[in-house]
Amino acid sequence: MQILEAERPVIDHDKCTLCRRCVDICPKKVLEIRDKKVVFTGEPCILCSHCYSVCKYNAIGFNGLLFEPSFSSFAYNASMSAPGSFPPGDLVNVARSRRSTRHFTEKPVNEEILRDLITFGITAPSGSNCQLWEFAVMGNRARVVEFGAQFAAFFRKLHRLVRNPVIRWASPLFAGMTLIRYYRDRYATVERGLEEVKKGKDLLFWGAPAVIIIHSSMDGSLPVEDGQYAAYNITLLAHAMGLGTCFIGYASETMNRVGKIKRSCGIPDKNRVHAVLAVGYPAESFYKQALRKHYSVKFI
């Protein structure tokens, strides 16, 4: 396989000390030492930049192919926090203090902040370093309201169908048990929600002034997990910046079933929506961390 120069790191042999760290850390065995030089084996590089990160002598670069994330809405200086170098309790408190927000103020979230949230999102882990995630952003309340109206229209149409027992019970012949399960498990709750929507309440995005949609093709190694990792990164940084977020499961599930709504956001039909986040300034305060259900674990 021919590996293009642009698809792999660049070695500065004048700076290289042949310490082998880049060779040993490479997960794909792209590098080796031959004739007293670090050279390429011919294996495809996944651009994980581990070699760059372990080189103390700045002998490895990527000629602009990769970039160092930067942020404009808050002060940031990149520095490594080595394992064990920060109090684990601080990390636990930050993560536990982040709550799902379902009441937002009308204060808008400016574009600079939304861009910084996404920049932090793409620093998340990615299976085989595919990084296929893409983002669609609604940065104003009017667009969010318009977006929410599409869901309300879809569910009203769906409910007209499932209320008809003939259609409901004939559906297994064409669509399996989907309509029957929906009518049994969700119809009543959504119907009540639609009545509230008629009164002007927003029970989907909770009055949020912004929405971030994380989506990607399904070609990568772990595309669903990658999207979720990126989304959770966004929620943690949002919390640190004084913002609230909420994963809107109904929105992501519906978009993956209704191509018209997905296309209205410029998302290709082949892409799957992994997360829809409501984003804004919280109109509620939490004074205690949430309790959790008991769980099962076995060491095997």
C-alpha atoms as a PDB file:
ATOM      1  CA  MET A   1       0.000   0.000   0.000  1.00  0.00           C
ATOM      2  CA  GLN A   2       1.341   3.408  -0.957  1.00  0.00           C
ATOM      3  CA  ILE A   3       1.301   5.823   1.993  1.00  0.00           C
ATOM      4  CA  LEU A   4       1.120   9.483   1.042  1.00  0.00           C
ATOM      5  CA  GLU A   5       3.524  11.866   2.740  1.00  0.00           C
ATOM      6  CA  ALA A   6       0.578  13.915   4.004  1.00  0.00           C
ATOM      7  CA  GLU A   7      -0.902  10.898   5.795  1.00  0.00           C
ATOM      8  CA  ARG A   8       1.953  10.313   8.205  1.00  0.00           C
ATOM      9  CA  PRO A   9       4.226  12.195  10.612  1.00  0.00           C
ATOM     10  CA  VAL A  10       7.324  14.053   9.518  1.00  0.00           C
ATOM     11  CA  ILE A  11      10.580  13.179  11.285  1.00  0.00           C
ATOM     12  CA  ASP A  12      13.246  15.843  11.892  1.00  0.00           C
ATOM     13  CA  HIS A  13      16.316  13.623  11.951  1.00  0.00           C
ATOM     14  CA  ASP A  14      18.533  16.452  13.200  1.00  0.00           C
ATOM     15  CA  LYS A  15      16.499  16.623  16.414  1.00  0.00           C
ATOM     16  CA  CYS A  16      15.816  12.893  16.756  1.00  0.00           C
ATOM     17  CA  THR A  17      17.870  11.118  19.474  1.00  0.00           C
ATOM     18  CA  LEU A  18      16.744   7.585  18.524  1.00  0.00           C
ATOM     19  CA  CYS A  19      15.192   7.142  21.962  1.00  0.00           C
ATOM     20  CA  ARG A  20      12.632   4.705  20.442  1.00  0.00           C
ATOM     21  CA  ARG A  21       9.675   6.172  22.301  1.00  0.00           C
ATOM     22  CA  CYS A  22       7.797   6.943  19.091  1.00  0.00           C
ATOM     23  CA  VAL A  23       8.482   3.457  17.739  1.00  0.00           C
ATOM     24  CA  ASP A  24       7.351   1.710  20.908  1.00  0.00           C
ATOM     25  CA  ILE A  25       4.186   3.778  21.395  1.00  0.00           C
ATOM     26  CA  CYS A  26       2.839   3.503  17.835  1.00  0.00           C
ATOM     27  CA  PRO A  27      -0.297   1.294  17.914  1.00  0.00           C
ATOM     28  CA  LYS A  28      -0.067   0.478  14.200  1.00  0.00           C
ATOM     29  CA  LYS A  29       3.697  -0.162  13.948  1.00  0.00           C
ATOM     30  CA  VAL A  30       4.140   2.627  11.433  1.00  0.00           C
ATOM     31  CA  LEU A  31       7.643   3.490  12.638  1.00  0.00           C
ATOM     32  CA  GLU A  32      10.863   1.550  13.064  1.00  0.00           C
ATOM     33  CA  ILE A  33      14.560   2.305  13.470  1.00  0.00           C
ATOM     34  CA  ARG A  34      16.675   1.312  10.498  1.00  0.00           C
ATOM     35  CA  ASP A  35      20.216   2.418   9.620  1.00  0.00           C
ATOM     36  CA  LYS A  36      20.235   4.687  12.689  1.00  0.00           C
ATOM     37  CA  LYS A  37      17.121   6.562  11.605  1.00  0.00           C
ATOM     38  CA  VAL A  38      13.428   6.480  12.457  1.00  0.00           C
ATOM     39  CA  VAL A  39      11.763   5.427   9.199  1.00  0.00           C
ATOM     40  CA  PHE A  40       8.352   4.288   8.026  1.00  0.00           C
ATOM     41  CA  THR A  41       7.378   0.651   7.714  1.00  0.00           C
ATOM     42  CA  GLY A  42       4.707   1.204   5.082  1.00  0.00           C
ATOM     43  CA  GLU A  43       1.803   0.495   7.438  1.00  0.00           C
ATOM     44  CA  PRO A  44      -1.034   3.065   7.243  1.00  0.00           C
ATOM     45  CA  CYS A  45      -0.915   5.780   9.903  1.00  0.00           C
ATOM     46  CA  ILE A  46      -4.145   6.551  11.791  1.00  0.00           C
ATOM     47  CA  LEU A  47      -2.836   9.996  12.814  1.00  0.00           C
ATOM     48  CA  CYS A  48      -3.299   9.351  16.534  1.00  0.00           C
ATOM     49  CA  SER A  49      -0.249  11.588  17.217  1.00  0.00           C
ATOM     50  CA  HIS A  50       0.986   9.362  20.066  1.00  0.00           C
ATOM     51  CA  CYS A  51       4.457   9.621  18.515  1.00  0.00           C
ATOM     52  CA  TYR A  52       4.235  13.416  18.673  1.00  0.00           C
ATOM     53  CA  SER A  53       3.043  13.333  22.279  1.00  0.00           C
ATOM     54  CA  VAL A  54       5.895  11.174  23.605  1.00  0.00           C
ATOM     55  CA  CYS A  55       8.695  13.029  21.802  1.00  0.00           C
ATOM     56  CA  LYS A  56      10.451  15.357  24.235  1.00  0.00           C
ATOM     57  CA  TYR A  57      12.717  16.748  21.526  1.00  0.00           C
ATOM     58  CA  ASN A  58      10.114  18.120  19.070  1.00  0.00           C
ATOM     59  CA  ALA A  59      11.423  15.837  16.360  1.00  0.00           C
ATOM     60  CA  ILE A  60       7.982  14.839  15.079  1.00  0.00           C
ATOM     61  CA  GLY A  61       5.357  16.963  13.371  1.00  0.00           C
ATOM     62  CA  PHE A  62       2.472  16.683  10.919  1.00  0.00           C
ATOM     63  CA  ASN A  63       2.992  19.680   8.612  1.00  0.00           C
ATOM     64  CA  GLY A  64      -0.408  21.199   9.364  1.00  0.00           C
ATOM     65  CA  LEU A  65      -2.358  17.967   8.843  1.00  0.00           C
ATOM     66  CA  LEU A  66      -3.332  17.971  12.536  1.00  0.00           C
ATOM     67  CA  PHE A  67      -3.952  21.011  14.728  1.00  0.00           C
ATOM     68  CA  GLU A  68      -3.665  21.978  18.371  1.00  0.00           C
ATOM     69  CA  PRO A  69      -7.154  22.860  19.680  1.00  0.00           C
ATOM     70  CA  SER A  70      -7.496  26.410  20.963  1.00  0.00           C
ATOM     71  CA  PHE A  71     -10.302  28.275  22.691  1.00  0.00           C
ATOM     72  CA  SER A  72     -11.375  31.897  22.468  1.00  0.00           C
ATOM     73  CA  SER A  73     -14.102  32.275  25.103  1.00  0.00           C
ATOM     74  CA  PHE A  74     -11.910  31.365  28.079  1.00  0.00           C
ATOM     75  CA  ALA A  75      -8.242  31.318  29.046  1.00  0.00           C
ATOM     76  CA  TYR A  76      -6.440  28.105  28.137  1.00  0.00           C
ATOM     77  CA  ASN A  77      -2.794  27.060  28.123  1.00  0.00           C
ATOM     78  CA  ALA A  78      -2.133  23.497  26.981  1.00  0.00           C
ATOM     79  CA  SER A  79      -0.197  21.439  29.522  1.00  0.00           C
ATOM     80  CA  MET A  80      -0.166  17.749  30.313  1.00  0.00           C
ATOM     81  CA  SER A  81      -1.830  16.507  33.493  1.00  0.00           C
ATOM     82  CA  ALA A  82      -0.031  13.247  34.112  1.00  0.00           C
ATOM     83  CA  PRO A  83      -1.880  10.305  35.688  1.00  0.00           C
ATOM     84  CA  GLY A  84      -2.139  10.891  39.423  1.00  0.00           C
ATOM     85  CA  SER A  85      -1.118  14.554  39.190  1.00  0.00           C
ATOM     86  CA  PHE A  86      -4.499  16.009  40.166  1.00  0.00           C
ATOM     87  CA  PRO A  87      -6.909  15.178  42.994  1.00  0.00           C
ATOM     88  CA  PRO A  88      -9.339  12.473  41.795  1.00  0.00           C
ATOM     89  CA  GLY A  89     -11.985  13.838  44.153  1.00  0.00           C
ATOM     90  CA  ASP A  90     -11.998  17.128  42.221  1.00  0.00           C
ATOM     91  CA  LEU A  91     -12.721  15.307  38.981  1.00  0.00           C
ATOM     92  CA  VAL A  92     -15.500  13.277  40.608  1.00  0.00           C
ATOM     93  CA  ASN A  93     -17.101  16.413  42.032  1.00  0.00           C
ATOM     94  CA  VAL A  94     -17.063  18.203  38.675  1.00  0.00           C
ATOM     95  CA  ALA A  95     -18.622  15.229  36.864  1.00  0.00           C
ATOM     96  CA  ARG A  96     -21.210  14.576  39.597  1.00  0.00           C
ATOM     97  CA  SER A  97     -22.180  18.242  39.794  1.00  0.00           C
ATOM     98  CA  ARG A  98     -23.122  18.364  36.122  1.00  0.00           C
ATOM     99  CA  ARG A  99     -26.892  17.799  35.902  1.00  0.00           C
ATOM    100  CA  SER A 100     -29.382  17.617  33.046  1.00  0.00           C
ATOM    101  CA  THR A 101     -30.982  21.052  32.675  1.00  0.00           C
ATOM    102  CA  ARG A 102     -34.677  21.256  31.793  1.00  0.00           C
ATOM    103  CA  HIS A 103     -35.300  24.923  32.525  1.00  0.00           C
ATOM    104  CA  PHE A 104     -33.290  27.527  30.631  1.00  0.00           C
ATOM    105  CA  THR A 105     -33.177  31.316  30.742  1.00  0.00           C
ATOM    106  CA  GLU A 106     -33.739  33.358  27.583  1.00  0.00           C
ATOM    107  CA  LYS A 107     -30.105  34.473  27.527  1.00  0.00           C
ATOM    108  CA  PRO A 108     -28.552  33.465  24.178  1.00  0.00           C
ATOM    109  CA  VAL A 109     -25.327  31.476  23.894  1.00  0.00           C
ATOM    110  CA  ASN A 110     -22.936  33.279  21.583  1.00  0.00           C
ATOM    111  CA  GLU A 111     -21.293  31.535  18.640  1.00  0.00           C
ATOM    112  CA  GLU A 112     -17.801  31.816  20.135  1.00  0.00           C
ATOM    113  CA  ILE A 113     -18.863  29.702  23.115  1.00  0.00           C
ATOM    114  CA  LEU A 114     -20.659  27.147  20.936  1.00  0.00           C
ATOM    115  CA  ARG A 115     -17.540  26.756  18.791  1.00  0.00           C
ATOM    116  CA  ASP A 116     -15.395  26.238  21.880  1.00  0.00           C
ATOM    117  CA  LEU A 117     -17.784  23.559  23.156  1.00  0.00           C
ATOM    118  CA  ILE A 118     -17.455  21.679  19.877  1.00  0.00           C
ATOM    119  CA  THR A 119     -13.678  22.110  19.845  1.00  0.00           C
ATOM    120  CA  PHE A 120     -13.528  20.406  23.219  1.00  0.00           C
ATOM    121  CA  GLY A 121     -15.944  17.773  21.939  1.00  0.00           C
ATOM    122  CA  ILE A 122     -13.511  16.672  19.239  1.00  0.00           C
ATOM    123  CA  THR A 123     -10.746  16.069  21.798  1.00  0.00           C
ATOM    124  CA  ALA A 124     -12.683  13.005  23.005  1.00  0.00           C
ATOM    125  CA  PRO A 125     -11.411   9.456  22.413  1.00  0.00           C
ATOM    126  CA  SER A 126     -12.235   7.959  19.031  1.00  0.00           C
ATOM    127  CA  GLY A 127     -12.118   4.300  18.001  1.00  0.00           C
ATOM    128  CA  SER A 128      -9.107   3.736  15.703  1.00  0.00           C
ATOM    129  CA  ASN A 129      -8.828   7.539  15.762  1.00  0.00           C
ATOM    130  CA  CYS A 130     -11.440   7.776  12.989  1.00  0.00           C
ATOM    131  CA  GLN A 131     -12.878  11.084  14.271  1.00  0.00           C
ATOM    132  CA  LEU A 132     -15.792  10.959  11.842  1.00  0.00           C
ATOM    133  CA  TRP A 133     -18.023  13.090  14.063  1.00  0.00           C
ATOM    134  CA  GLU A 134     -19.855  16.038  12.512  1.00  0.00           C
ATOM    135  CA  PHE A 135     -21.889  18.784  14.163  1.00  0.00           C
ATOM    136  CA  ALA A 136     -24.991  20.774  13.306  1.00  0.00           C
ATOM    137  CA  VAL A 137     -25.616  23.803  15.510  1.00  0.00           C
ATOM    138  CA  MET A 138     -28.696  25.935  16.074  1.00  0.00           C
ATOM    139  CA  GLY A 139     -27.553  29.070  17.821  1.00  0.00           C
ATOM    140  CA  ASN A 140     -30.783  30.990  18.308  1.00  0.00           C
ATOM    141  CA  ARG A 141     -34.088  30.308  20.007  1.00  0.00           C
ATOM    142  CA  ALA A 142     -36.221  31.011  16.906  1.00  0.00           C
ATOM    143  CA  ARG A 143     -34.454  28.230  14.998  1.00  0.00           C
ATOM    144  CA  VAL A 144     -34.827  25.855  17.954  1.00  0.00           C
ATOM    145  CA  VAL A 145     -38.574  26.585  18.120  1.00  0.00           C
ATOM    146  CA  GLU A 146     -38.882  25.904  14.400  1.00  0.00           C
ATOM    147  CA  PHE A 147     -36.942  22.669  14.839  1.00  0.00           C
ATOM    148  CA  GLY A 148     -39.185  21.571  17.694  1.00  0.00           C
ATOM    149  CA  ALA A 149     -42.292  22.239  15.601  1.00  0.00           C
ATOM    150  CA  GLN A 150     -41.127  19.591  13.126  1.00  0.00           C
ATOM    151  CA  PHE A 151     -41.160  16.965  15.862  1.00  0.00           C
ATOM    152  CA  ALA A 152     -44.604  18.023  17.071  1.00  0.00           C
ATOM    153  CA  ALA A 153     -45.967  17.760  13.523  1.00  0.00           C
ATOM    154  CA  PHE A 154     -44.458  14.296  13.097  1.00  0.00           C
ATOM    155  CA  PHE A 155     -45.876  12.965  16.366  1.00  0.00           C
ATOM    156  CA  ARG A 156     -49.335  14.395  15.651  1.00  0.00           C
ATOM    157  CA  LYS A 157     -49.321  12.550  12.331  1.00  0.00           C
ATOM    158  CA  LEU A 158     -48.045   9.386  14.008  1.00  0.00           C
ATOM    159  CA  HIS A 159     -50.767   9.574  16.649  1.00  0.00           C
ATOM    160  CA  ARG A 160     -53.505   9.870  14.044  1.00  0.00           C
ATOM    161  CA  LEU A 161     -52.252   6.547  12.705  1.00  0.00           C
ATOM    162  CA  VAL A 162     -51.782   4.637  15.949  1.00  0.00           C
ATOM    163  CA  ARG A 163     -55.170   5.720  17.298  1.00  0.00           C
ATOM    164  CA  ASN A 164     -56.716   3.669  14.515  1.00  0.00           C
ATOM    165  CA  PRO A 165     -56.852   0.076  15.837  1.00  0.00           C
ATOM    166  CA  VAL A 166     -57.071  -1.375  12.340  1.00  0.00           C
ATOM    167  CA  ILE A 167     -53.804   0.291  11.287  1.00  0.00           C
ATOM    168  CA  ARG A 168     -52.198  -0.536  14.630  1.00  0.00           C
ATOM    169  CA  TRP A 169     -52.952  -4.223  14.506  1.00  0.00           C
ATOM    170  CA  ALA A 170     -52.237  -4.562  10.807  1.00  0.00           C
ATOM    171  CA  SER A 171     -48.831  -2.929  11.215  1.00  0.00           C
ATOM    172  CA  PRO A 172     -46.945  -6.123  12.193  1.00  0.00           C
ATOM    173  CA  LEU A 173     -47.415  -7.296   8.612  1.00  0.00           C
ATOM    174  CA  PHE A 174     -45.413  -4.317   7.347  1.00  0.00           C
ATOM    175  CA  ALA A 175     -43.411  -2.781  10.197  1.00  0.00           C
ATOM    176  CA  GLY A 176     -43.184  -5.458  12.840  1.00  0.00           C
ATOM    177  CA  MET A 177     -44.333  -4.608  16.361  1.00  0.00           C
ATOM    178  CA  THR A 178     -43.053  -1.034  16.331  1.00  0.00           C
ATOM    179  CA  LEU A 179     -46.426   0.746  16.276  1.00  0.00           C
ATOM    180  CA  ILE A 180     -47.978  -1.611  18.824  1.00  0.00           C
ATOM    181  CA  ARG A 181     -45.080  -1.126  21.250  1.00  0.00           C
ATOM    182  CA  TYR A 182     -45.161   2.632  20.709  1.00  0.00           C
ATOM    183  CA  TYR A 183     -48.892   2.780  21.455  1.00  0.00           C
ATOM    184  CA  ARG A 184     -48.429   0.653  24.566  1.00  0.00           C
ATOM    185  CA  ASP A 185     -45.332   2.349  25.996  1.00  0.00           C
ATOM    186  CA  ARG A 186     -45.204   5.939  24.779  1.00  0.00           C
ATOM    187  CA  TYR A 187     -48.435   7.106  23.190  1.00  0.00           C
ATOM    188  CA  ALA A 188     -50.128   8.421  26.338  1.00  0.00           C
ATOM    189  CA  THR A 189     -47.043  10.324  27.546  1.00  0.00           C
ATOM    190  CA  VAL A 190     -46.379  11.922  24.167  1.00  0.00           C
ATOM    191  CA  GLU A 191     -50.061  12.760  23.703  1.00  0.00           C
ATOM    192  CA  ARG A 192     -50.034  14.668  26.994  1.00  0.00           C
ATOM    193  CA  GLY A 193     -46.892  16.423  25.842  1.00  0.00           C
ATOM    194  CA  LEU A 194     -48.520  17.458  22.572  1.00  0.00           C
ATOM    195  CA  GLU A 195     -51.374  19.027  24.532  1.00  0.00           C
ATOM    196  CA  GLU A 196     -48.824  21.028  26.521  1.00  0.00           C
ATOM    197  CA  VAL A 197     -47.146  22.119  23.287  1.00  0.00           C
ATOM    198  CA  LYS A 198     -50.465  23.577  22.148  1.00  0.00           C
ATOM    199  CA  LYS A 199     -50.333  25.768  25.261  1.00  0.00           C
ATOM    200  CA  GLY A 200     -46.915  27.081  24.261  1.00  0.00           C
ATOM    201  CA  LYS A 201     -44.743  24.859  26.439  1.00  0.00           C
ATOM    202  CA  ASP A 202     -41.503  23.402  25.110  1.00  0.00           C
ATOM    203  CA  LEU A 203     -41.247  19.875  26.483  1.00  0.00           C
ATOM    204  CA  LEU A 204     -38.625  18.777  23.967  1.00  0.00           C
ATOM    205  CA  PHE A 205     -35.866  21.373  24.255  1.00  0.00           C
ATOM    206  CA  TRP A 206     -37.088  22.971  27.509  1.00  0.00           C
ATOM    207  CA  GLY A 207     -36.721  26.537  26.284  1.00  0.00           C
ATOM    208  CA  ALA A 208     -33.052  26.152  25.333  1.00  0.00           C
ATOM    209  CA  PRO A 209     -31.651  28.929  23.137  1.00  0.00           C
ATOM    210  CA  ALA A 210     -29.241  26.559  21.355  1.00  0.00           C
ATOM    211  CA  VAL A 211     -29.032  22.958  20.178  1.00  0.00           C
ATOM    212  CA  ILE A 212     -25.979  20.924  19.161  1.00  0.00           C
ATOM    213  CA  ILE A 213     -26.467  17.775  17.075  1.00  0.00           C
ATOM    214  CA  ILE A 214     -23.652  15.219  16.888  1.00  0.00           C
ATOM    215  CA  HIS A 215     -23.810  12.860  13.916  1.00  0.00           C
ATOM    216  CA  SER A 216     -21.571  10.829  11.633  1.00  0.00           C
ATOM    217  CA  SER A 217     -21.472   8.162   8.996  1.00  0.00           C
ATOM    218  CA  MET A 218     -21.367   4.583  10.277  1.00  0.00           C
ATOM    219  CA  ASP A 219     -18.106   3.810   8.493  1.00  0.00           C
ATOM    220  CA  GLY A 220     -15.788   4.179  11.467  1.00  0.00           C
ATOM    221  CA  SER A 221     -14.591   1.702  14.060  1.00  0.00           C
ATOM    222  CA  LEU A 222     -16.938   2.805  16.880  1.00  0.00           C
ATOM    223  CA  PRO A 223     -19.004   5.694  15.459  1.00  0.00           C
ATOM    224  CA  VAL A 224     -21.827   5.565  18.015  1.00  0.00           C
ATOM    225  CA  GLU A 225     -19.448   5.544  20.970  1.00  0.00           C
ATOM    226  CA  ASP A 226     -17.327   8.283  19.384  1.00  0.00           C
ATOM    227  CA  GLY A 227     -20.362  10.535  19.058  1.00  0.00           C
ATOM    228  CA  GLN A 228     -21.385   9.908  22.663  1.00  0.00           C
ATOM    229  CA  TYR A 229     -17.883  10.622  23.940  1.00  0.00           C
ATOM    230  CA  ALA A 230     -17.822  13.929  22.059  1.00  0.00           C
ATOM    231  CA  ALA A 231     -21.266  14.831  23.379  1.00  0.00           C
ATOM    232  CA  TYR A 232     -20.299  14.127  26.977  1.00  0.00           C
ATOM    233  CA  ASN A 233     -17.139  16.207  26.623  1.00  0.00           C
ATOM    234  CA  ILE A 234     -19.366  19.078  25.518  1.00  0.00           C
ATOM    235  CA  THR A 235     -21.650  18.702  28.534  1.00  0.00           C
ATOM    236  CA  LEU A 236     -18.735  18.755  30.983  1.00  0.00           C
ATOM    237  CA  LEU A 237     -17.165  21.875  29.498  1.00  0.00           C
ATOM    238  CA  ALA A 238     -20.580  23.534  29.341  1.00  0.00           C
ATOM    239  CA  HIS A 239     -20.967  22.933  33.074  1.00  0.00           C
ATOM    240  CA  ALA A 240     -17.554  24.484  33.732  1.00  0.00           C
ATOM    241  CA  MET A 241     -18.585  27.525  31.674  1.00  0.00           C
ATOM    242  CA  GLY A 242     -21.801  28.122  33.612  1.00  0.00           C
ATOM    243  CA  LEU A 243     -24.055  26.514  31.007  1.00  0.00           C
ATOM    244  CA  GLY A 244     -26.578  23.723  31.306  1.00  0.00           C
ATOM    245  CA  THR A 245     -27.158  20.864  28.864  1.00  0.00           C
ATOM    246  CA  CYS A 246     -29.587  18.014  28.361  1.00  0.00           C
ATOM    247  CA  PHE A 247     -29.429  14.959  26.114  1.00  0.00           C
ATOM    248  CA  ILE A 248     -32.701  14.907  24.135  1.00  0.00           C
ATOM    249  CA  GLY A 249     -33.229  11.222  23.440  1.00  0.00           C
ATOM    250  CA  TYR A 250     -36.598  11.660  21.744  1.00  0.00           C
ATOM    251  CA  ALA A 251     -34.991  14.029  19.237  1.00  0.00           C
ATOM    252  CA  SER A 252     -32.066  11.803  18.272  1.00  0.00           C
ATOM    253  CA  GLU A 253     -34.236   8.675  18.020  1.00  0.00           C
ATOM    254  CA  THR A 254     -36.850  10.459  15.915  1.00  0.00           C
ATOM    255  CA  MET A 255     -34.292  12.012  13.574  1.00  0.00           C
ATOM    256  CA  ASN A 256     -32.847   8.580  12.865  1.00  0.00           C
ATOM    257  CA  ARG A 257     -36.310   7.378  11.868  1.00  0.00           C
ATOM    258  CA  VAL A 258     -37.543  10.466  10.005  1.00  0.00           C
ATOM    259  CA  GLY A 259     -35.273  11.459   7.144  1.00  0.00           C
ATOM    260  CA  LYS A 260     -37.154  14.698   6.484  1.00  0.00           C
ATOM    261  CA  ILE A 261     -36.234  16.141   9.880  1.00  0.00           C
ATOM    262  CA  LYS A 262     -32.637  15.010   9.525  1.00  0.00           C
ATOM    263  CA  ARG A 263     -32.318  16.533   6.067  1.00  0.00           C
ATOM    264  CA  SER A 264     -33.733  19.849   7.332  1.00  0.00           C
ATOM    265  CA  CYS A 265     -30.539  20.138   9.406  1.00  0.00           C
ATOM    266  CA  GLY A 266     -28.284  19.389   6.434  1.00  0.00           C
ATOM    267  CA  ILE A 267     -27.484  15.912   7.761  1.00  0.00           C
ATOM    268  CA  PRO A 268     -26.996  13.269   5.050  1.00  0.00           C
ATOM    269  CA  ASP A 269     -29.392  10.316   5.025  1.00  0.00           C
ATOM    270  CA  LYS A 270     -26.473   7.917   5.519  1.00  0.00           C
ATOM    271  CA  ASN A 271     -25.432   9.593   8.756  1.00  0.00           C
ATOM    272  CA  ARG A 272     -26.717   8.532  12.145  1.00  0.00           C
ATOM    273  CA  VAL A 273     -27.544  11.082  14.831  1.00  0.00           C
ATOM    274  CA  HIS A 274     -25.721  10.077  18.011  1.00  0.00           C
ATOM    275  CA  ALA A 275     -26.793  12.872  20.344  1.00  0.00           C
ATOM    276  CA  VAL A 276     -28.934  15.999  20.415  1.00  0.00           C
ATOM    277  CA  LEU A 277     -27.989  18.450  23.164  1.00  0.00           C
ATOM    278  CA  ALA A 278     -30.078  21.336  24.434  1.00  0.00           C
ATOM    279  CA  VAL A 279     -27.674  24.089  25.520  1.00  0.00           C
ATOM    280  CA  GLY A 280     -28.241  27.293  27.449  1.00  0.00           C
ATOM    281  CA  TYR A 281     -27.970  29.092  30.753  1.00  0.00           C
ATOM    282  CA  PRO A 282     -29.800  27.181  33.493  1.00  0.00           C
ATOM    283  CA  ALA A 283     -32.795  28.743  35.200  1.00  0.00           C
ATOM    284  CA  GLU A 284     -32.517  26.278  38.066  1.00  0.00           C
ATOM    285  CA  SER A 285     -29.960  25.502  40.766  1.00  0.00           C
ATOM    286  CA  PHE A 286     -28.901  22.224  42.331  1.00  0.00           C
ATOM    287  CA  TYR A 287     -27.583  22.177  45.882  1.00  0.00           C
ATOM    288  CA  LYS A 288     -26.765  18.502  46.261  1.00  0.00           C
ATOM    289  CA  GLN A 289     -25.318  15.854  44.003  1.00  0.00           C
ATOM    290  CA  ALA A 290     -27.791  13.278  42.752  1.00  0.00           C
ATOM    291  CA  LEU A 291     -28.162   9.850  44.313  1.00  0.00           C
ATOM    292  CA  ARG A 292     -27.762   6.708  42.205  1.00  0.00           C
ATOM    293  CA  LYS A 293     -29.485   3.353  41.938  1.00  0.00           C
ATOM    294  CA  HIS A 294     -27.769   0.289  43.338  1.00  0.00           C
ATOM    295  CA  TYR A 295     -25.815  -1.609  40.726  1.00  0.00           C
ATOM    296  CA  SER A 296     -24.451  -5.071  40.071  1.00  0.00           C
ATOM    297  CA  VAL A 297     -20.787  -5.844  39.559  1.00  0.00           C
ATOM    298  CA  LYS A 298     -18.842  -9.108  39.404  1.00  0.00           C
ATOM    299  CA  PHE A 299     -15.088  -9.421  39.370  1.00  0.00           C
ATOM    300  CA  ILE A 300     -14.335 -12.410  37.155  1.00  0.00           C
END
